[in-house]
Amino acid sequence: MIAEVHPFKTVFDEEWDYEWAADWNKVSAIFTTIDDLERQFGALDVSVLRELTQRKLILDLQKYAYSLSKVIVDKYQD
């Protein structure tokens, strides 16, 4: 028989679950948007300088999204 980690369910736990899920869905949507933008950039025929600028933009957005996901994890870690 598997022991439950938290045998008692409280209102606080349920609110926490919904808040965490909503926050994580927002972060997931940001990553999806970045992927879509990267695909759209790939379809453009631009100069090498523009390609490098687009790549830097994607990397900066990814960096931001990863840091945002870290904030979300830290927020609900305690």
PDB file of N, CA and C in Angstrom:
ATOM      1  N   MET A   1       0.836  -1.172   0.000  1.00  0.00           N
ATOM      2  CA  MET A   1       0.000   0.000   0.000  1.00  0.00           C
ATOM      3  C   MET A   1       0.892   1.251   0.000  1.00  0.00           C
ATOM      4  N   ILE A   2       0.561   2.214  -0.839  1.00  0.00           N
ATOM      5  CA  ILE A   2       1.334   3.436  -0.959  1.00  0.00           C
ATOM      6  C   ILE A   2       0.809   4.465   0.035  1.00  0.00           C
ATOM      7  N   ALA A   3       1.720   5.023   0.809  1.00  0.00           N
ATOM      8  CA  ALA A   3       1.332   6.045   1.776  1.00  0.00           C
ATOM      9  C   ALA A   3       1.192   7.389   1.070  1.00  0.00           C
ATOM     10  N   GLU A   4       0.187   8.140   1.465  1.00  0.00           N
ATOM     11  CA  GLU A   4      -0.017   9.461   0.895  1.00  0.00           C
ATOM     12  C   GLU A   4       0.953  10.447   1.541  1.00  0.00           C
ATOM     13  N   VAL A   5       1.481  11.333   0.744  1.00  0.00           N
ATOM     14  CA  VAL A   5       2.396  12.330   1.272  1.00  0.00           C
ATOM     15  C   VAL A   5       1.626  13.341   2.118  1.00  0.00           C
ATOM     16  N   HIS A   6       0.492  13.794   1.606  1.00  0.00           N
ATOM     17  CA  HIS A   6      -0.357  14.742   2.327  1.00  0.00           C
ATOM     18  C   HIS A   6      -1.740  14.108   2.476  1.00  0.00           C
ATOM     19  N   PRO A   7      -1.992  13.407   3.575  1.00  0.00           N
ATOM     20  CA  PRO A   7      -3.261  12.689   3.705  1.00  0.00           C
ATOM     21  C   PRO A   7      -4.469  13.598   3.835  1.00  0.00           C
ATOM     22  N   PHE A   8      -4.281  14.861   4.207  1.00  0.00           N
ATOM     23  CA  PHE A   8      -5.408  15.753   4.409  1.00  0.00           C
ATOM     24  C   PHE A   8      -5.419  16.834   3.340  1.00  0.00           C
ATOM     25  N   LYS A   9      -6.528  17.002   2.687  1.00  0.00           N
ATOM     26  CA  LYS A   9      -6.680  18.022   1.650  1.00  0.00           C
ATOM     27  C   LYS A   9      -7.320  19.253   2.274  1.00  0.00           C
ATOM     28  N   THR A  10      -6.720  20.402   2.057  1.00  0.00           N
ATOM     29  CA  THR A  10      -7.262  21.636   2.595  1.00  0.00           C
ATOM     30  C   THR A  10      -7.649  22.572   1.459  1.00  0.00           C
ATOM     31  N   VAL A  11      -8.419  23.584   1.801  1.00  0.00           N
ATOM     32  CA  VAL A  11      -8.797  24.588   0.811  1.00  0.00           C
ATOM     33  C   VAL A  11      -7.550  25.289   0.290  1.00  0.00           C
ATOM     34  N   PHE A  12      -6.601  25.551   1.172  1.00  0.00           N
ATOM     35  CA  PHE A  12      -5.359  26.207   0.769  1.00  0.00           C
ATOM     36  C   PHE A  12      -4.640  25.392  -0.304  1.00  0.00           C
ATOM     37  N   ASP A  13      -4.574  24.076  -0.120  1.00  0.00           N
ATOM     38  CA  ASP A  13      -3.902  23.220  -1.105  1.00  0.00           C
ATOM     39  C   ASP A  13      -4.585  23.299  -2.466  1.00  0.00           C
ATOM     40  N   GLU A  14      -5.906  23.304  -2.476  1.00  0.00           N
ATOM     41  CA  GLU A  14      -6.631  23.359  -3.739  1.00  0.00           C
ATOM     42  C   GLU A  14      -6.412  24.704  -4.426  1.00  0.00           C
ATOM     43  N   GLU A  15      -6.438  25.800  -3.657  1.00  0.00           N
ATOM     44  CA  GLU A  15      -6.171  27.110  -4.243  1.00  0.00           C
ATOM     45  C   GLU A  15      -4.757  27.168  -4.805  1.00  0.00           C
ATOM     46  N   TRP A  16      -3.823  26.627  -4.052  1.00  0.00           N
ATOM     47  CA  TRP A  16      -2.432  26.602  -4.481  1.00  0.00           C
ATOM     48  C   TRP A  16      -2.314  25.852  -5.795  1.00  0.00           C
ATOM     49  N   ASP A  17      -2.974  24.709  -5.918  1.00  0.00           N
ATOM     50  CA  ASP A  17      -2.916  23.919  -7.142  1.00  0.00           C
ATOM     51  C   ASP A  17      -3.446  24.704  -8.337  1.00  0.00           C
ATOM     52  N   TYR A  18      -4.573  25.410  -8.141  1.00  0.00           N
ATOM     53  CA  TYR A  18      -5.154  26.177  -9.241  1.00  0.00           C
ATOM     54  C   TYR A  18      -4.267  27.365  -9.614  1.00  0.00           C
ATOM     55  N   GLU A  19      -3.716  28.042  -8.615  1.00  0.00           N
ATOM     56  CA  GLU A  19      -2.827  29.166  -8.894  1.00  0.00           C
ATOM     57  C   GLU A  19      -1.572  28.703  -9.622  1.00  0.00           C
ATOM     58  N   TRP A  20      -0.988  27.609  -9.137  1.00  0.00           N
ATOM     59  CA  TRP A  20       0.216  27.085  -9.774  1.00  0.00           C
ATOM     60  C   TRP A  20      -0.071  26.687 -11.211  1.00  0.00           C
ATOM     61  N   ALA A  21      -1.193  25.994 -11.425  1.00  0.00           N
ATOM     62  CA  ALA A  21      -1.542  25.555 -12.780  1.00  0.00           C
ATOM     63  C   ALA A  21      -1.752  26.753 -13.705  1.00  0.00           C
ATOM     64  N   ALA A  22      -2.413  27.789 -13.205  1.00  0.00           N
ATOM     65  CA  ALA A  22      -2.643  28.985 -14.032  1.00  0.00           C
ATOM     66  C   ALA A  22      -1.319  29.666 -14.373  1.00  0.00           C
ATOM     67  N   ASP A  23      -0.446  29.807 -13.382  1.00  0.00           N
ATOM     68  CA  ASP A  23       0.856  30.422 -13.640  1.00  0.00           C
ATOM     69  C   ASP A  23       1.676  29.593 -14.624  1.00  0.00           C
ATOM     70  N   TRP A  24       1.667  28.283 -14.424  1.00  0.00           N
ATOM     71  CA  TRP A  24       2.470  27.424 -15.298  1.00  0.00           C
ATOM     72  C   TRP A  24       1.911  27.414 -16.721  1.00  0.00           C
ATOM     73  N   ASN A  25       0.595  27.497 -16.872  1.00  0.00           N
ATOM     74  CA  ASN A  25      -0.003  27.576 -18.209  1.00  0.00           C
ATOM     75  C   ASN A  25       0.433  28.849 -18.927  1.00  0.00           C
ATOM     76  N   LYS A  26       0.564  29.949 -18.179  1.00  0.00           N
ATOM     77  CA  LYS A  26       1.033  31.199 -18.790  1.00  0.00           C
ATOM     78  C   LYS A  26       2.465  31.047 -19.279  1.00  0.00           C
ATOM     79  N   VAL A  27       3.310  30.429 -18.476  1.00  0.00           N
ATOM     80  CA  VAL A  27       4.709  30.213 -18.883  1.00  0.00           C
ATOM     81  C   VAL A  27       4.760  29.298 -20.104  1.00  0.00           C
ATOM     82  N   SER A  28       3.954  28.247 -20.103  1.00  0.00           N
ATOM     83  CA  SER A  28       3.907  27.329 -21.251  1.00  0.00           C
ATOM     84  C   SER A  28       3.461  28.052 -22.513  1.00  0.00           C
ATOM     85  N   ALA A  29       2.494  28.956 -22.372  1.00  0.00           N
ATOM     86  CA  ALA A  29       2.020  29.725 -23.528  1.00  0.00           C
ATOM     87  C   ALA A  29       3.129  30.629 -24.061  1.00  0.00           C
ATOM     88  N   ILE A  30       3.940  31.178 -23.170  1.00  0.00           N
ATOM     89  CA  ILE A  30       5.063  32.010 -23.605  1.00  0.00           C
ATOM     90  C   ILE A  30       6.055  31.187 -24.410  1.00  0.00           C
ATOM     91  N   PHE A  31       6.386  29.983 -23.933  1.00  0.00           N
ATOM     92  CA  PHE A  31       7.296  29.109 -24.678  1.00  0.00           C
ATOM     93  C   PHE A  31       6.710  28.737 -26.040  1.00  0.00           C
ATOM     94  N   THR A  32       5.424  28.476 -26.097  1.00  0.00           N
ATOM     95  CA  THR A  32       4.767  28.143 -27.362  1.00  0.00           C
ATOM     96  C   THR A  32       4.840  29.325 -28.326  1.00  0.00           C
ATOM     97  N   THR A  33       4.629  30.515 -27.812  1.00  0.00           N
ATOM     98  CA  THR A  33       4.701  31.720 -28.639  1.00  0.00           C
ATOM     99  C   THR A  33       6.115  31.922 -29.181  1.00  0.00           C
ATOM    100  N   ILE A  34       7.103  31.683 -28.348  1.00  0.00           N
ATOM    101  CA  ILE A  34       8.500  31.808 -28.792  1.00  0.00           C
ATOM    102  C   ILE A  34       8.792  30.801 -29.901  1.00  0.00           C
ATOM    103  N   ASP A  35       8.331  29.564 -29.736  1.00  0.00           N
ATOM    104  CA  ASP A  35       8.531  28.542 -30.777  1.00  0.00           C
ATOM    105  C   ASP A  35       7.861  28.952 -32.081  1.00  0.00           C
ATOM    106  N   ASP A  36       6.645  29.491 -31.982  1.00  0.00           N
ATOM    107  CA  ASP A  36       5.925  29.933 -33.172  1.00  0.00           C
ATOM    108  C   ASP A  36       6.658  31.086 -33.857  1.00  0.00           C
ATOM    109  N   LEU A  37       7.145  32.027 -33.073  1.00  0.00           N
ATOM    110  CA  LEU A  37       7.898  33.149 -33.624  1.00  0.00           C
ATOM    111  C   LEU A  37       9.173  32.669 -34.312  1.00  0.00           C
ATOM    112  N   GLU A  38       9.837  31.699 -33.707  1.00  0.00           N
ATOM    113  CA  GLU A  38      11.056  31.139 -34.303  1.00  0.00           C
ATOM    114  C   GLU A  38      10.749  30.490 -35.655  1.00  0.00           C
ATOM    115  N   ARG A  39       9.630  29.771 -35.742  1.00  0.00           N
ATOM    116  CA  ARG A  39       9.229  29.156 -37.018  1.00  0.00           C
ATOM    117  C   ARG A  39       8.942  30.225 -38.066  1.00  0.00           C
ATOM    118  N   GLN A  40       8.258  31.282 -37.654  1.00  0.00           N
ATOM    119  CA  GLN A  40       7.940  32.358 -38.592  1.00  0.00           C
ATOM    120  C   GLN A  40       9.195  33.073 -39.062  1.00  0.00           C
ATOM    121  N   PHE A  41      10.144  33.282 -38.167  1.00  0.00           N
ATOM    122  CA  PHE A  41      11.418  33.884 -38.560  1.00  0.00           C
ATOM    123  C   PHE A  41      12.139  32.999 -39.570  1.00  0.00           C
ATOM    124  N   GLY A  42      12.065  31.683 -39.366  1.00  0.00           N
ATOM    125  CA  GLY A  42      12.729  30.747 -40.268  1.00  0.00           C
ATOM    126  C   GLY A  42      12.183  30.799 -41.686  1.00  0.00           C
ATOM    127  N   ALA A  43      10.938  31.217 -41.825  1.00  0.00           N
ATOM    128  CA  ALA A  43      10.310  31.272 -43.144  1.00  0.00           C
ATOM    129  C   ALA A  43      10.668  32.547 -43.911  1.00  0.00           C
ATOM    130  N   LEU A  44      11.309  33.487 -43.228  1.00  0.00           N
ATOM    131  CA  LEU A  44      11.669  34.741 -43.886  1.00  0.00           C
ATOM    132  C   LEU A  44      13.002  34.618 -44.626  1.00  0.00           C
ATOM    133  N   ASP A  45      13.086  35.308 -45.752  1.00  0.00           N
ATOM    134  CA  ASP A  45      14.337  35.366 -46.506  1.00  0.00           C
ATOM    135  C   ASP A  45      14.959  36.729 -46.249  1.00  0.00           C
ATOM    136  N   VAL A  46      15.863  36.778 -45.271  1.00  0.00           N
ATOM    137  CA  VAL A  46      16.467  38.048 -44.861  1.00  0.00           C
ATOM    138  C   VAL A  46      17.992  37.928 -44.882  1.00  0.00           C
ATOM    139  N   SER A  47      18.650  39.057 -44.677  1.00  0.00           N
ATOM    140  CA  SER A  47      20.113  39.070 -44.679  1.00  0.00           C
ATOM    141  C   SER A  47      20.655  38.338 -43.446  1.00  0.00           C
ATOM    142  N   VAL A  48      21.935  38.033 -43.495  1.00  0.00           N
ATOM    143  CA  VAL A  48      22.592  37.328 -42.390  1.00  0.00           C
ATOM    144  C   VAL A  48      22.505  38.151 -41.109  1.00  0.00           C
ATOM    145  N   LEU A  49      22.662  39.471 -41.243  1.00  0.00           N
ATOM    146  CA  LEU A  49      22.579  40.341 -40.076  1.00  0.00           C
ATOM    147  C   LEU A  49      21.196  40.265 -39.426  1.00  0.00           C
ATOM    148  N   ARG A  50      20.148  40.247 -40.246  1.00  0.00           N
ATOM    149  CA  ARG A  50      18.787  40.100 -39.717  1.00  0.00           C
ATOM    150  C   ARG A  50      18.604  38.736 -39.061  1.00  0.00           C
ATOM    151  N   GLU A  51      19.152  37.689 -39.668  1.00  0.00           N
ATOM    152  CA  GLU A  51      19.044  36.350 -39.075  1.00  0.00           C
ATOM    153  C   GLU A  51      19.693  36.311 -37.699  1.00  0.00           C
ATOM    154  N   LEU A  52      20.873  36.943 -37.586  1.00  0.00           N
ATOM    155  CA  LEU A  52      21.556  36.991 -36.290  1.00  0.00           C
ATOM    156  C   LEU A  52      20.750  37.788 -35.271  1.00  0.00           C
ATOM    157  N   THR A  53      20.154  38.873 -35.705  1.00  0.00           N
ATOM    158  CA  THR A  53      19.323  39.685 -34.819  1.00  0.00           C
ATOM    159  C   THR A  53      18.097  38.904 -34.350  1.00  0.00           C
ATOM    160  N   GLN A  54      17.487  38.176 -35.282  1.00  0.00           N
ATOM    161  CA  GLN A  54      16.332  37.353 -34.925  1.00  0.00           C
ATOM    162  C   GLN A  54      16.730  36.261 -33.944  1.00  0.00           C
ATOM    163  N   ARG A  55      17.868  35.646 -34.176  1.00  0.00           N
ATOM    164  CA  ARG A  55      18.337  34.580 -33.285  1.00  0.00           C
ATOM    165  C   ARG A  55      18.611  35.119 -31.881  1.00  0.00           C
ATOM    166  N   LYS A  56      19.218  36.310 -31.823  1.00  0.00           N
ATOM    167  CA  LYS A  56      19.467  36.938 -30.520  1.00  0.00           C
ATOM    168  C   LYS A  56      18.151  37.242 -29.808  1.00  0.00           C
ATOM    169  N   LEU A  57      17.169  37.722 -30.545  1.00  0.00           N
ATOM    170  CA  LEU A  57      15.857  38.006 -29.962  1.00  0.00           C
ATOM    171  C   LEU A  57      15.233  36.735 -29.387  1.00  0.00           C
ATOM    172  N   ILE A  58      15.293  35.647 -30.144  1.00  0.00           N
ATOM    173  CA  ILE A  58      14.740  34.374 -29.671  1.00  0.00           C
ATOM    174  C   ILE A  58      15.478  33.910 -28.417  1.00  0.00           C
ATOM    175  N   LEU A  59      16.797  34.001 -28.427  1.00  0.00           N
ATOM    176  CA  LEU A  59      17.576  33.594 -27.249  1.00  0.00           C
ATOM    177  C   LEU A  59      17.244  34.455 -26.029  1.00  0.00           C
ATOM    178  N   ASP A  60      17.078  35.756 -26.224  1.00  0.00           N
ATOM    179  CA  ASP A  60      16.711  36.636 -25.117  1.00  0.00           C
ATOM    180  C   ASP A  60      15.317  36.298 -24.574  1.00  0.00           C
ATOM    181  N   LEU A  61      14.386  36.018 -25.480  1.00  0.00           N
ATOM    182  CA  LEU A  61      13.036  35.636 -25.042  1.00  0.00           C
ATOM    183  C   LEU A  61      13.049  34.312 -24.290  1.00  0.00           C
ATOM    184  N   GLN A  62      13.838  33.353 -24.782  1.00  0.00           N
ATOM    185  CA  GLN A  62      13.947  32.068 -24.093  1.00  0.00           C
ATOM    186  C   GLN A  62      14.571  32.240 -22.708  1.00  0.00           C
ATOM    187  N   LYS A  63      15.588  33.061 -22.636  1.00  0.00           N
ATOM    188  CA  LYS A  63      16.237  33.336 -21.354  1.00  0.00           C
ATOM    189  C   LYS A  63      15.233  33.933 -20.371  1.00  0.00           C
ATOM    190  N   TYR A  64      14.435  34.882 -20.841  1.00  0.00           N
ATOM    191  CA  TYR A  64      13.416  35.490 -19.998  1.00  0.00           C
ATOM    192  C   TYR A  64      12.392  34.455 -19.544  1.00  0.00           C
ATOM    193  N   ALA A  65      11.939  33.622 -20.466  1.00  0.00           N
ATOM    194  CA  ALA A  65      10.932  32.616 -20.126  1.00  0.00           C
ATOM    195  C   ALA A  65      11.473  31.604 -19.111  1.00  0.00           C
ATOM    196  N   TYR A  66      12.729  31.192 -19.270  1.00  0.00           N
ATOM    197  CA  TYR A  66      13.333  30.279 -18.295  1.00  0.00           C
ATOM    198  C   TYR A  66      13.439  30.931 -16.924  1.00  0.00           C
ATOM    199  N   SER A  67      13.815  32.219 -16.885  1.00  0.00           N
ATOM    200  CA  SER A  67      13.908  32.900 -15.594  1.00  0.00           C
ATOM    201  C   SER A  67      12.523  33.062 -14.978  1.00  0.00           C
ATOM    202  N   LEU A  68      11.522  33.290 -15.803  1.00  0.00           N
ATOM    203  CA  LEU A  68      10.154  33.385 -15.308  1.00  0.00           C
ATOM    204  C   LEU A  68       9.684  32.041 -14.746  1.00  0.00           C
ATOM    205  N   SER A  69      10.041  30.957 -15.413  1.00  0.00           N
ATOM    206  CA  SER A  69       9.667  29.635 -14.888  1.00  0.00           C
ATOM    207  C   SER A  69      10.362  29.364 -13.565  1.00  0.00           C
ATOM    208  N   LYS A  70      11.588  29.845 -13.398  1.00  0.00           N
ATOM    209  CA  LYS A  70      12.299  29.704 -12.136  1.00  0.00           C
ATOM    210  C   LYS A  70      11.575  30.476 -11.023  1.00  0.00           C
ATOM    211  N   VAL A  71      11.092  31.666 -11.356  1.00  0.00           N
ATOM    212  CA  VAL A  71      10.339  32.454 -10.368  1.00  0.00           C
ATOM    213  C   VAL A  71       9.082  31.708  -9.943  1.00  0.00           C
ATOM    214  N   ILE A  72       8.381  31.106 -10.898  1.00  0.00           N
ATOM    215  CA  ILE A  72       7.164  30.356 -10.593  1.00  0.00           C
ATOM    216  C   ILE A  72       7.496  29.162  -9.695  1.00  0.00           C
ATOM    217  N   VAL A  73       8.552  28.438 -10.018  1.00  0.00           N
ATOM    218  CA  VAL A  73       8.945  27.284  -9.191  1.00  0.00           C
ATOM    219  C   VAL A  73       9.297  27.747  -7.790  1.00  0.00           C
ATOM    220  N   ASP A  74      10.080  28.816  -7.670  1.00  0.00           N
ATOM    221  CA  ASP A  74      10.456  29.326  -6.342  1.00  0.00           C
ATOM    222  C   ASP A  74       9.244  29.809  -5.553  1.00  0.00           C
ATOM    223  N   LYS A  75       8.289  30.415  -6.261  1.00  0.00           N
ATOM    224  CA  LYS A  75       7.088  30.936  -5.598  1.00  0.00           C
ATOM    225  C   LYS A  75       6.312  29.832  -4.884  1.00  0.00           C
ATOM    226  N   TYR A  76       6.232  28.666  -5.499  1.00  0.00           N
ATOM    227  CA  TYR A  76       5.419  27.575  -4.947  1.00  0.00           C
ATOM    228  C   TYR A  76       6.262  26.481  -4.278  1.00  0.00           C
ATOM    229  N   GLN A  77       7.547  26.693  -4.187  1.00  0.00           N
ATOM    230  CA  GLN A  77       8.410  25.672  -3.609  1.00  0.00           C
ATOM    231  C   GLN A  77       8.217  25.528  -2.103  1.00  0.00           C
ATOM    232  N   ASP A  78       7.986  26.620  -1.423  1.00  0.00           N
ATOM    233  CA  ASP A  78       7.843  26.573   0.036  1.00  0.00           C
ATOM    234  C   ASP A  78       6.537  25.990   0.499  1.00  0.00           C
TER     235      ASP A  78
END
